[in-house]
Amino acid sequence: LNLCTDQLLLLLVPRERIVMLSQLATDPQLSAQAVRARGIARFDGSVESVLKKAPDLVLAGSMASLGTTRVLQRLGYRVETQEMPESIDAALAFIEQTAALAGEPAAGQALRQATQQRLAAVQARVASGTRPLVLVYLPNGLTPGTGTLKHELIELAGWRNLAATQGISGYGTLSL
C-alpha cells in the first residue's frame, strides 16, 4: 500500500505473485519501476479493492492507509506495517525484511549486497576535495536534514547538505 514497498516488491518478487501495488507504482515521475508495474492492479484507496484480490499478505507503510490496514486486520488478513527507513543501515535492513515477508530471502540478500556494492562504488569515486553545497527541496517546502536517509546519501555522494548546515534535524523548512 505504499510506493517504497512497491519498488522493492518489483525487484524481489516474481511479477505473477504481485496482485496489487499502490496507485503511484506506474507514475514514471515517482516510480523507478513504473514500466515493470504496468498491468498490475493498483490500490484505489478502498478496502473493497483489496478484498477482491484476496491477498495472502498486505504490506503497508506506517504512515499510509491506516484505516484500510485496520479493517483488513479485523477481517483476518495478514497485514505487515513497516517503518520507512531513515538511514542507510535501516534501508538495507528494510530490503531484507521485505524480502523475508514476501518469501524471497535469497533475493533480499542479493539486493542488499548489490546495494552495498553500489554505495561503496559511489563513495570510492567521491573526491576528498571540494564538497559542493546542495539543497533537497521536497513537496510542501520540506527539506531533509541530519538524521535522514536523504542526508546520509547526500553526504556519501560527496555533497554538503544545506539543510544540515542550517541546523535542520529530521525534516524542516528553509525559505528559498
N, C-alpha and C. Protein backbone atom coordinates (compact mmCIF):
# COMPACT_ATOMS: atom_id res chain seq x y z
N LEU A 1 0.81 -1.20 0.00
CA LEU A 1 0.00 0.00 0.00
C LEU A 1 0.85 1.26 0.00
N ASN A 2 2.14 1.14 -0.33
CA ASN A 2 2.96 2.36 -0.46
C ASN A 2 4.03 2.18 -1.52
N LEU A 3 4.50 3.30 -2.05
CA LEU A 3 5.42 3.29 -3.18
C LEU A 3 6.76 2.65 -2.85
N CYS A 4 7.31 2.89 -1.68
CA CYS A 4 8.61 2.30 -1.33
C CYS A 4 8.55 0.78 -1.37
N THR A 5 7.51 0.23 -0.81
CA THR A 5 7.37 -1.22 -0.82
C THR A 5 7.11 -1.74 -2.23
N ASP A 6 6.35 -0.97 -3.02
CA ASP A 6 6.14 -1.35 -4.43
C ASP A 6 7.47 -1.57 -5.13
N GLN A 7 8.37 -0.61 -4.96
CA GLN A 7 9.66 -0.66 -5.65
C GLN A 7 10.41 -1.93 -5.29
N LEU A 8 10.42 -2.25 -4.01
CA LEU A 8 11.13 -3.46 -3.58
C LEU A 8 10.45 -4.72 -4.09
N LEU A 9 9.14 -4.78 -3.99
CA LEU A 9 8.44 -5.98 -4.47
C LEU A 9 8.74 -6.24 -5.94
N LEU A 10 8.76 -5.17 -6.73
CA LEU A 10 9.01 -5.33 -8.15
C LEU A 10 10.44 -5.80 -8.44
N LEU A 11 11.35 -5.55 -7.54
CA LEU A 11 12.73 -6.02 -7.69
C LEU A 11 12.95 -7.42 -7.12
N LEU A 12 12.15 -7.80 -6.13
CA LEU A 12 12.41 -9.03 -5.38
C LEU A 12 11.50 -10.21 -5.72
N VAL A 13 10.29 -9.92 -6.13
CA VAL A 13 9.26 -10.96 -6.23
C VAL A 13 8.88 -11.17 -7.70
N PRO A 14 8.71 -12.43 -8.11
CA PRO A 14 8.23 -12.65 -9.48
C PRO A 14 6.91 -11.90 -9.70
N ARG A 15 6.83 -11.24 -10.83
CA ARG A 15 5.69 -10.38 -11.15
C ARG A 15 4.34 -11.06 -10.96
N GLU A 16 4.25 -12.32 -11.30
CA GLU A 16 2.96 -13.03 -11.22
C GLU A 16 2.49 -13.22 -9.78
N ARG A 17 3.37 -13.03 -8.81
CA ARG A 17 2.98 -13.15 -7.40
C ARG A 17 2.47 -11.83 -6.82
N ILE A 18 2.62 -10.74 -7.54
CA ILE A 18 2.19 -9.43 -7.04
C ILE A 18 0.78 -9.17 -7.56
N VAL A 19 -0.19 -9.06 -6.64
CA VAL A 19 -1.57 -8.88 -7.08
C VAL A 19 -2.01 -7.42 -7.08
N MET A 20 -1.31 -6.56 -6.35
CA MET A 20 -1.71 -5.16 -6.31
C MET A 20 -0.54 -4.31 -5.82
N LEU A 21 -0.48 -3.10 -6.35
CA LEU A 21 0.53 -2.12 -5.95
C LEU A 21 -0.18 -0.82 -5.61
N SER A 22 0.56 0.14 -5.09
CA SER A 22 -0.04 1.44 -4.78
C SER A 22 -0.42 2.17 -6.07
N GLN A 23 -1.23 3.19 -5.93
CA GLN A 23 -1.68 3.95 -7.09
C GLN A 23 -0.53 4.73 -7.74
N LEU A 24 0.61 4.84 -7.06
CA LEU A 24 1.75 5.59 -7.59
C LEU A 24 2.73 4.72 -8.37
N ALA A 25 2.55 3.44 -8.35
CA ALA A 25 3.53 2.49 -8.89
C ALA A 25 3.83 2.69 -10.37
N THR A 26 2.87 3.15 -11.16
CA THR A 26 3.09 3.30 -12.60
C THR A 26 3.39 4.74 -13.02
N ASP A 27 3.53 5.62 -12.06
CA ASP A 27 3.83 7.02 -12.36
C ASP A 27 5.33 7.16 -12.60
N PRO A 28 5.76 7.42 -13.84
CA PRO A 28 7.20 7.47 -14.12
C PRO A 28 7.91 8.64 -13.43
N GLN A 29 7.17 9.62 -12.95
CA GLN A 29 7.77 10.73 -12.22
C GLN A 29 8.14 10.32 -10.79
N LEU A 30 7.50 9.28 -10.28
CA LEU A 30 7.69 8.86 -8.89
C LEU A 30 8.27 7.46 -8.74
N SER A 31 8.01 6.62 -9.70
CA SER A 31 8.36 5.20 -9.58
C SER A 31 9.49 4.82 -10.53
N ALA A 32 10.59 4.35 -9.96
CA ALA A 32 11.71 3.86 -10.78
C ALA A 32 11.34 2.56 -11.49
N GLN A 33 10.29 1.91 -11.03
CA GLN A 33 9.85 0.64 -11.60
C GLN A 33 8.52 0.78 -12.35
N ALA A 34 8.22 1.98 -12.83
CA ALA A 34 6.92 2.26 -13.45
C ALA A 34 6.61 1.32 -14.61
N VAL A 35 7.57 1.08 -15.47
CA VAL A 35 7.33 0.21 -16.63
C VAL A 35 7.00 -1.21 -16.17
N ARG A 36 7.76 -1.71 -15.23
CA ARG A 36 7.53 -3.08 -14.74
C ARG A 36 6.19 -3.20 -14.01
N ALA A 37 5.71 -2.11 -13.44
CA ALA A 37 4.46 -2.13 -12.68
C ALA A 37 3.22 -2.13 -13.57
N ARG A 38 3.39 -1.77 -14.83
CA ARG A 38 2.23 -1.70 -15.72
C ARG A 38 1.50 -3.03 -15.79
N GLY A 39 0.18 -2.96 -15.75
CA GLY A 39 -0.64 -4.15 -15.86
C GLY A 39 -0.96 -4.82 -14.54
N ILE A 40 -0.32 -4.40 -13.47
CA ILE A 40 -0.63 -4.93 -12.14
C ILE A 40 -1.68 -4.02 -11.52
N ALA A 41 -2.71 -4.61 -10.94
CA ALA A 41 -3.79 -3.81 -10.33
C ALA A 41 -3.20 -2.82 -9.32
N ARG A 42 -3.88 -1.67 -9.21
CA ARG A 42 -3.41 -0.64 -8.28
C ARG A 42 -4.47 -0.37 -7.22
N PHE A 43 -3.99 -0.15 -6.01
CA PHE A 43 -4.84 0.15 -4.87
C PHE A 43 -5.49 1.51 -5.06
N ASP A 44 -6.82 1.53 -5.01
CA ASP A 44 -7.55 2.78 -5.23
C ASP A 44 -7.96 3.46 -3.93
N GLY A 45 -7.49 2.93 -2.82
CA GLY A 45 -7.82 3.52 -1.53
C GLY A 45 -8.97 2.84 -0.82
N SER A 46 -9.63 1.91 -1.49
CA SER A 46 -10.78 1.24 -0.87
C SER A 46 -10.42 -0.15 -0.38
N VAL A 47 -11.01 -0.51 0.74
CA VAL A 47 -10.83 -1.85 1.28
C VAL A 47 -11.36 -2.87 0.28
N GLU A 48 -12.43 -2.52 -0.39
CA GLU A 48 -13.06 -3.45 -1.34
C GLU A 48 -12.09 -3.87 -2.45
N SER A 49 -11.25 -2.94 -2.92
CA SER A 49 -10.32 -3.29 -3.98
C SER A 49 -9.32 -4.34 -3.51
N VAL A 50 -8.93 -4.29 -2.25
CA VAL A 50 -8.02 -5.29 -1.70
C VAL A 50 -8.77 -6.61 -1.52
N LEU A 51 -9.99 -6.55 -1.00
CA LEU A 51 -10.77 -7.77 -0.77
C LEU A 51 -10.99 -8.55 -2.07
N LYS A 52 -11.19 -7.84 -3.17
CA LYS A 52 -11.40 -8.51 -4.47
C LYS A 52 -10.20 -9.35 -4.87
N LYS A 53 -9.02 -8.95 -4.45
CA LYS A 53 -7.79 -9.67 -4.81
C LYS A 53 -7.44 -10.77 -3.83
N ALA A 54 -8.02 -10.74 -2.63
CA ALA A 54 -7.78 -11.75 -1.58
C ALA A 54 -6.29 -12.07 -1.42
N PRO A 55 -5.48 -11.09 -1.07
CA PRO A 55 -4.04 -11.35 -0.96
C PRO A 55 -3.68 -12.19 0.27
N ASP A 56 -2.56 -12.87 0.17
CA ASP A 56 -2.02 -13.63 1.31
C ASP A 56 -1.35 -12.69 2.30
N LEU A 57 -0.85 -11.57 1.80
CA LEU A 57 -0.08 -10.63 2.60
C LEU A 57 -0.32 -9.22 2.09
N VAL A 58 -0.51 -8.28 2.99
CA VAL A 58 -0.61 -6.86 2.64
C VAL A 58 0.55 -6.15 3.33
N LEU A 59 1.37 -5.46 2.54
CA LEU A 59 2.48 -4.67 3.08
C LEU A 59 2.08 -3.21 3.06
N ALA A 60 2.24 -2.54 4.19
CA ALA A 60 1.85 -1.14 4.30
C ALA A 60 2.93 -0.36 5.03
N GLY A 61 3.03 0.91 4.68
CA GLY A 61 3.91 1.81 5.42
C GLY A 61 3.22 2.26 6.69
N SER A 62 4.00 2.70 7.65
CA SER A 62 3.44 3.07 8.95
C SER A 62 2.60 4.34 8.91
N MET A 63 2.73 5.15 7.86
CA MET A 63 2.02 6.42 7.82
C MET A 63 0.86 6.44 6.82
N ALA A 64 0.70 5.41 6.04
CA ALA A 64 -0.30 5.45 4.97
C ALA A 64 -1.39 4.42 5.17
N SER A 65 -2.58 4.75 4.74
CA SER A 65 -3.71 3.83 4.68
C SER A 65 -4.00 3.15 6.01
N LEU A 66 -3.90 3.89 7.09
CA LEU A 66 -4.09 3.30 8.41
C LEU A 66 -5.50 2.73 8.59
N GLY A 67 -6.49 3.44 8.12
CA GLY A 67 -7.86 2.93 8.22
C GLY A 67 -8.03 1.63 7.47
N THR A 68 -7.48 1.57 6.27
CA THR A 68 -7.57 0.36 5.45
C THR A 68 -6.87 -0.81 6.14
N THR A 69 -5.69 -0.58 6.67
CA THR A 69 -4.96 -1.68 7.29
C THR A 69 -5.69 -2.20 8.52
N ARG A 70 -6.29 -1.31 9.29
CA ARG A 70 -7.04 -1.76 10.48
C ARG A 70 -8.22 -2.64 10.09
N VAL A 71 -8.96 -2.22 9.07
CA VAL A 71 -10.11 -3.01 8.61
C VAL A 71 -9.65 -4.37 8.11
N LEU A 72 -8.59 -4.38 7.31
CA LEU A 72 -8.09 -5.65 6.78
C LEU A 72 -7.65 -6.58 7.90
N GLN A 73 -7.00 -6.04 8.91
CA GLN A 73 -6.59 -6.87 10.05
C GLN A 73 -7.81 -7.43 10.77
N ARG A 74 -8.84 -6.60 10.98
CA ARG A 74 -10.06 -7.08 11.64
C ARG A 74 -10.74 -8.18 10.83
N LEU A 75 -10.57 -8.13 9.50
CA LEU A 75 -11.17 -9.14 8.64
C LEU A 75 -10.30 -10.40 8.52
N GLY A 76 -9.17 -10.41 9.22
CA GLY A 76 -8.33 -11.60 9.26
C GLY A 76 -7.21 -11.66 8.24
N TYR A 77 -6.97 -10.57 7.52
CA TYR A 77 -5.87 -10.56 6.56
C TYR A 77 -4.55 -10.33 7.28
N ARG A 78 -3.51 -10.91 6.74
CA ARG A 78 -2.16 -10.67 7.29
C ARG A 78 -1.67 -9.33 6.76
N VAL A 79 -1.54 -8.38 7.64
CA VAL A 79 -1.06 -7.05 7.29
C VAL A 79 0.24 -6.80 8.04
N GLU A 80 1.28 -6.48 7.32
CA GLU A 80 2.57 -6.16 7.91
C GLU A 80 2.84 -4.67 7.67
N THR A 81 2.94 -3.92 8.74
CA THR A 81 3.20 -2.49 8.65
C THR A 81 4.68 -2.26 8.89
N GLN A 82 5.30 -1.57 7.95
CA GLN A 82 6.73 -1.36 8.02
C GLN A 82 7.06 0.13 8.19
N GLU A 83 8.02 0.40 9.05
CA GLU A 83 8.54 1.77 9.19
C GLU A 83 9.41 2.07 7.98
N MET A 84 9.27 3.26 7.43
CA MET A 84 10.12 3.64 6.32
C MET A 84 11.51 3.99 6.86
N PRO A 85 12.55 3.49 6.23
CA PRO A 85 13.91 3.67 6.75
C PRO A 85 14.38 5.12 6.65
N GLU A 86 15.13 5.54 7.66
CA GLU A 86 15.72 6.89 7.67
C GLU A 86 17.22 6.85 7.86
N SER A 87 17.84 5.74 7.44
CA SER A 87 19.30 5.64 7.43
C SER A 87 19.66 4.57 6.40
N ILE A 88 20.92 4.58 5.99
CA ILE A 88 21.36 3.57 5.03
C ILE A 88 21.25 2.18 5.65
N ASP A 89 21.69 2.03 6.89
CA ASP A 89 21.60 0.73 7.56
C ASP A 89 20.15 0.25 7.65
N ALA A 90 19.25 1.17 7.99
CA ALA A 90 17.83 0.81 8.08
C ALA A 90 17.27 0.45 6.71
N ALA A 91 17.72 1.13 5.66
CA ALA A 91 17.25 0.82 4.31
C ALA A 91 17.72 -0.57 3.88
N LEU A 92 18.94 -0.92 4.23
CA LEU A 92 19.45 -2.26 3.90
C LEU A 92 18.67 -3.33 4.66
N ALA A 93 18.37 -3.06 5.92
CA ALA A 93 17.55 -4.00 6.71
C ALA A 93 16.13 -4.09 6.15
N PHE A 94 15.59 -2.96 5.68
CA PHE A 94 14.25 -2.91 5.08
C PHE A 94 14.18 -3.81 3.86
N ILE A 95 15.24 -3.82 3.06
CA ILE A 95 15.28 -4.71 1.88
C ILE A 95 15.12 -6.16 2.33
N GLU A 96 15.93 -6.56 3.30
CA GLU A 96 15.88 -7.96 3.74
C GLU A 96 14.57 -8.29 4.45
N GLN A 97 14.04 -7.34 5.22
CA GLN A 97 12.77 -7.57 5.91
C GLN A 97 11.64 -7.76 4.90
N THR A 98 11.59 -6.91 3.90
CA THR A 98 10.54 -7.01 2.88
C THR A 98 10.67 -8.32 2.13
N ALA A 99 11.89 -8.68 1.76
CA ALA A 99 12.11 -9.94 1.04
C ALA A 99 11.67 -11.13 1.88
N ALA A 100 11.99 -11.12 3.16
CA ALA A 100 11.60 -12.23 4.04
C ALA A 100 10.08 -12.33 4.14
N LEU A 101 9.42 -11.19 4.31
CA LEU A 101 7.95 -11.20 4.39
C LEU A 101 7.32 -11.74 3.11
N ALA A 102 7.96 -11.44 1.97
CA ALA A 102 7.43 -11.88 0.69
C ALA A 102 7.89 -13.28 0.32
N GLY A 103 8.63 -13.93 1.21
CA GLY A 103 9.08 -15.30 0.93
C GLY A 103 10.23 -15.38 -0.04
N GLU A 104 11.02 -14.31 -0.15
CA GLU A 104 12.15 -14.27 -1.08
C GLU A 104 13.43 -13.83 -0.37
N PRO A 105 13.83 -14.53 0.71
CA PRO A 105 15.01 -14.08 1.46
C PRO A 105 16.30 -14.06 0.64
N ALA A 106 16.49 -15.00 -0.25
CA ALA A 106 17.72 -15.02 -1.05
C ALA A 106 17.78 -13.79 -1.97
N ALA A 107 16.65 -13.43 -2.54
CA ALA A 107 16.61 -12.23 -3.39
C ALA A 107 16.90 -10.99 -2.56
N GLY A 108 16.44 -10.98 -1.32
CA GLY A 108 16.71 -9.85 -0.44
C GLY A 108 18.18 -9.72 -0.11
N GLN A 109 18.82 -10.84 0.17
CA GLN A 109 20.25 -10.82 0.46
C GLN A 109 21.04 -10.36 -0.76
N ALA A 110 20.65 -10.84 -1.93
CA ALA A 110 21.35 -10.44 -3.16
C ALA A 110 21.17 -8.95 -3.44
N LEU A 111 19.96 -8.42 -3.25
CA LEU A 111 19.73 -6.99 -3.48
C LEU A 111 20.47 -6.16 -2.45
N ARG A 112 20.50 -6.62 -1.21
CA ARG A 112 21.25 -5.89 -0.18
C ARG A 112 22.73 -5.82 -0.55
N GLN A 113 23.31 -6.94 -0.96
CA GLN A 113 24.72 -6.97 -1.34
C GLN A 113 24.99 -6.07 -2.54
N ALA A 114 24.12 -6.13 -3.54
CA ALA A 114 24.30 -5.28 -4.72
C ALA A 114 24.20 -3.80 -4.35
N THR A 115 23.28 -3.47 -3.45
CA THR A 115 23.13 -2.09 -3.00
C THR A 115 24.37 -1.63 -2.23
N GLN A 116 24.88 -2.48 -1.37
CA GLN A 116 26.09 -2.14 -0.62
C GLN A 116 27.27 -1.91 -1.58
N GLN A 117 27.37 -2.72 -2.61
CA GLN A 117 28.44 -2.56 -3.59
C GLN A 117 28.30 -1.23 -4.34
N ARG A 118 27.07 -0.89 -4.71
CA ARG A 118 26.84 0.38 -5.41
C ARG A 118 27.17 1.56 -4.51
N LEU A 119 26.79 1.49 -3.24
CA LEU A 119 27.10 2.58 -2.31
C LEU A 119 28.61 2.72 -2.13
N ALA A 120 29.30 1.60 -2.02
CA ALA A 120 30.76 1.63 -1.86
C ALA A 120 31.41 2.22 -3.11
N ALA A 121 30.89 1.88 -4.29
CA ALA A 121 31.45 2.41 -5.54
C ALA A 121 31.26 3.93 -5.61
N VAL A 122 30.10 4.41 -5.19
CA VAL A 122 29.86 5.86 -5.17
C VAL A 122 30.82 6.52 -4.20
N GLN A 123 30.94 5.97 -3.03
CA GLN A 123 31.82 6.55 -2.02
C GLN A 123 33.28 6.57 -2.50
N ALA A 124 33.70 5.53 -3.20
CA ALA A 124 35.07 5.46 -3.69
C ALA A 124 35.35 6.51 -4.77
N ARG A 125 34.33 6.87 -5.53
CA ARG A 125 34.51 7.87 -6.60
C ARG A 125 34.52 9.30 -6.09
N VAL A 126 34.02 9.50 -4.88
CA VAL A 126 33.93 10.86 -4.34
C VAL A 126 35.33 11.36 -4.00
N ALA A 127 35.68 12.48 -4.59
CA ALA A 127 37.00 13.06 -4.33
C ALA A 127 37.01 13.67 -2.93
N SER A 128 38.17 13.71 -2.34
CA SER A 128 38.28 14.29 -0.99
C SER A 128 38.37 15.81 -1.04
N GLY A 129 38.24 16.38 -2.22
CA GLY A 129 38.37 17.83 -2.38
C GLY A 129 37.09 18.57 -2.04
N THR A 130 36.74 19.51 -2.87
CA THR A 130 35.58 20.37 -2.66
C THR A 130 34.30 19.56 -2.59
N ARG A 131 33.50 19.89 -1.61
CA ARG A 131 32.20 19.24 -1.45
C ARG A 131 31.13 20.28 -1.74
N PRO A 132 30.53 20.25 -2.94
CA PRO A 132 29.52 21.25 -3.30
C PRO A 132 28.33 21.22 -2.32
N LEU A 133 27.67 22.36 -2.24
CA LEU A 133 26.51 22.52 -1.37
C LEU A 133 25.25 22.18 -2.16
N VAL A 134 24.34 21.44 -1.53
CA VAL A 134 23.10 21.04 -2.20
C VAL A 134 21.92 21.25 -1.25
N LEU A 135 20.77 21.51 -1.83
CA LEU A 135 19.53 21.59 -1.08
C LEU A 135 18.51 20.69 -1.76
N VAL A 136 17.96 19.76 -1.01
CA VAL A 136 16.87 18.93 -1.50
C VAL A 136 15.58 19.61 -1.04
N TYR A 137 14.76 19.97 -2.00
CA TYR A 137 13.53 20.70 -1.70
C TYR A 137 12.37 19.79 -2.08
N LEU A 138 11.63 19.32 -1.08
CA LEU A 138 10.55 18.35 -1.27
C LEU A 138 9.19 19.04 -1.32
N PRO A 139 8.14 18.32 -1.69
CA PRO A 139 6.80 18.92 -1.67
C PRO A 139 6.49 19.54 -0.32
N ASN A 140 5.69 20.56 -0.35
CA ASN A 140 5.28 21.31 0.84
C ASN A 140 6.44 22.03 1.50
N GLY A 141 7.52 22.26 0.75
CA GLY A 141 8.64 23.03 1.26
C GLY A 141 9.53 22.31 2.25
N LEU A 142 9.37 21.01 2.40
CA LEU A 142 10.21 20.27 3.35
C LEU A 142 11.59 20.01 2.76
N THR A 143 12.56 19.94 3.64
CA THR A 143 13.92 19.60 3.25
C THR A 143 14.52 18.68 4.32
N PRO A 144 15.24 17.64 3.90
CA PRO A 144 15.80 16.70 4.87
C PRO A 144 17.11 17.21 5.47
N GLY A 145 17.20 17.13 6.78
CA GLY A 145 18.43 17.49 7.48
C GLY A 145 19.10 16.26 8.04
N THR A 146 19.91 16.45 9.07
CA THR A 146 20.60 15.32 9.68
C THR A 146 19.58 14.32 10.23
N GLY A 147 20.01 13.08 10.33
CA GLY A 147 19.13 12.04 10.86
C GLY A 147 18.15 11.50 9.84
N THR A 148 18.40 11.75 8.54
CA THR A 148 17.52 11.22 7.50
C THR A 148 18.34 10.41 6.50
N LEU A 149 17.67 9.51 5.83
CA LEU A 149 18.31 8.72 4.78
C LEU A 149 18.83 9.63 3.67
N LYS A 150 18.04 10.62 3.30
CA LYS A 150 18.46 11.53 2.23
C LYS A 150 19.75 12.25 2.60
N HIS A 151 19.86 12.69 3.84
CA HIS A 151 21.09 13.35 4.28
C HIS A 151 22.29 12.41 4.19
N GLU A 152 22.13 11.18 4.64
CA GLU A 152 23.23 10.22 4.57
C GLU A 152 23.68 10.01 3.13
N LEU A 153 22.71 9.91 2.22
CA LEU A 153 23.05 9.69 0.81
C LEU A 153 23.73 10.91 0.20
N ILE A 154 23.29 12.10 0.57
CA ILE A 154 23.93 13.33 0.11
C ILE A 154 25.39 13.34 0.53
N GLU A 155 25.62 13.06 1.80
CA GLU A 155 26.98 13.05 2.34
C GLU A 155 27.83 11.97 1.67
N LEU A 156 27.29 10.78 1.51
CA LEU A 156 28.01 9.68 0.89
C LEU A 156 28.42 10.04 -0.53
N ALA A 157 27.57 10.78 -1.24
CA ALA A 157 27.84 11.14 -2.63
C ALA A 157 28.80 12.32 -2.76
N GLY A 158 29.25 12.86 -1.64
CA GLY A 158 30.26 13.91 -1.70
C GLY A 158 29.73 15.33 -1.68
N TRP A 159 28.51 15.52 -1.29
CA TRP A 159 27.91 16.85 -1.21
C TRP A 159 27.79 17.28 0.25
N ARG A 160 27.55 18.56 0.47
CA ARG A 160 27.20 19.10 1.78
C ARG A 160 25.73 19.47 1.73
N ASN A 161 25.00 19.12 2.74
CA ASN A 161 23.57 19.35 2.80
C ASN A 161 23.29 20.72 3.44
N LEU A 162 22.75 21.65 2.65
CA LEU A 162 22.46 22.99 3.14
C LEU A 162 21.55 22.94 4.36
N ALA A 163 20.57 22.07 4.36
CA ALA A 163 19.64 21.97 5.49
C ALA A 163 20.40 21.64 6.78
N ALA A 164 21.35 20.74 6.68
CA ALA A 164 22.14 20.36 7.86
C ALA A 164 23.00 21.53 8.33
N THR A 165 23.57 22.27 7.39
CA THR A 165 24.39 23.43 7.79
C THR A 165 23.55 24.51 8.46
N GLN A 166 22.25 24.48 8.20
CA GLN A 166 21.33 25.45 8.80
C GLN A 166 20.69 24.91 10.08
N GLY A 167 21.16 23.75 10.54
CA GLY A 167 20.70 23.20 11.81
C GLY A 167 19.43 22.38 11.75
N ILE A 168 19.00 22.00 10.56
CA ILE A 168 17.78 21.18 10.45
C ILE A 168 18.11 19.72 10.74
N SER A 169 17.35 19.16 11.65
CA SER A 169 17.45 17.75 12.00
C SER A 169 16.11 17.13 11.66
N GLY A 170 16.13 15.97 11.02
CA GLY A 170 14.88 15.39 10.53
C GLY A 170 14.44 16.17 9.30
N TYR A 171 13.16 16.51 9.26
CA TYR A 171 12.63 17.28 8.13
C TYR A 171 12.20 18.64 8.62
N GLY A 172 12.60 19.66 7.92
CA GLY A 172 12.23 21.03 8.29
C GLY A 172 12.02 21.85 7.03
N THR A 173 11.93 23.15 7.19
CA THR A 173 11.71 24.03 6.05
C THR A 173 12.80 25.10 5.99
N LEU A 174 13.13 25.47 4.77
CA LEU A 174 14.04 26.58 4.51
C LEU A 174 13.38 27.47 3.46
N SER A 175 13.45 28.74 3.66
CA SER A 175 12.91 29.65 2.66
C SER A 175 13.88 29.72 1.48
N LEU A 176 13.33 29.67 0.29
CA LEU A 176 14.19 29.82 -0.89
C LEU A 176 14.64 31.25 -1.01
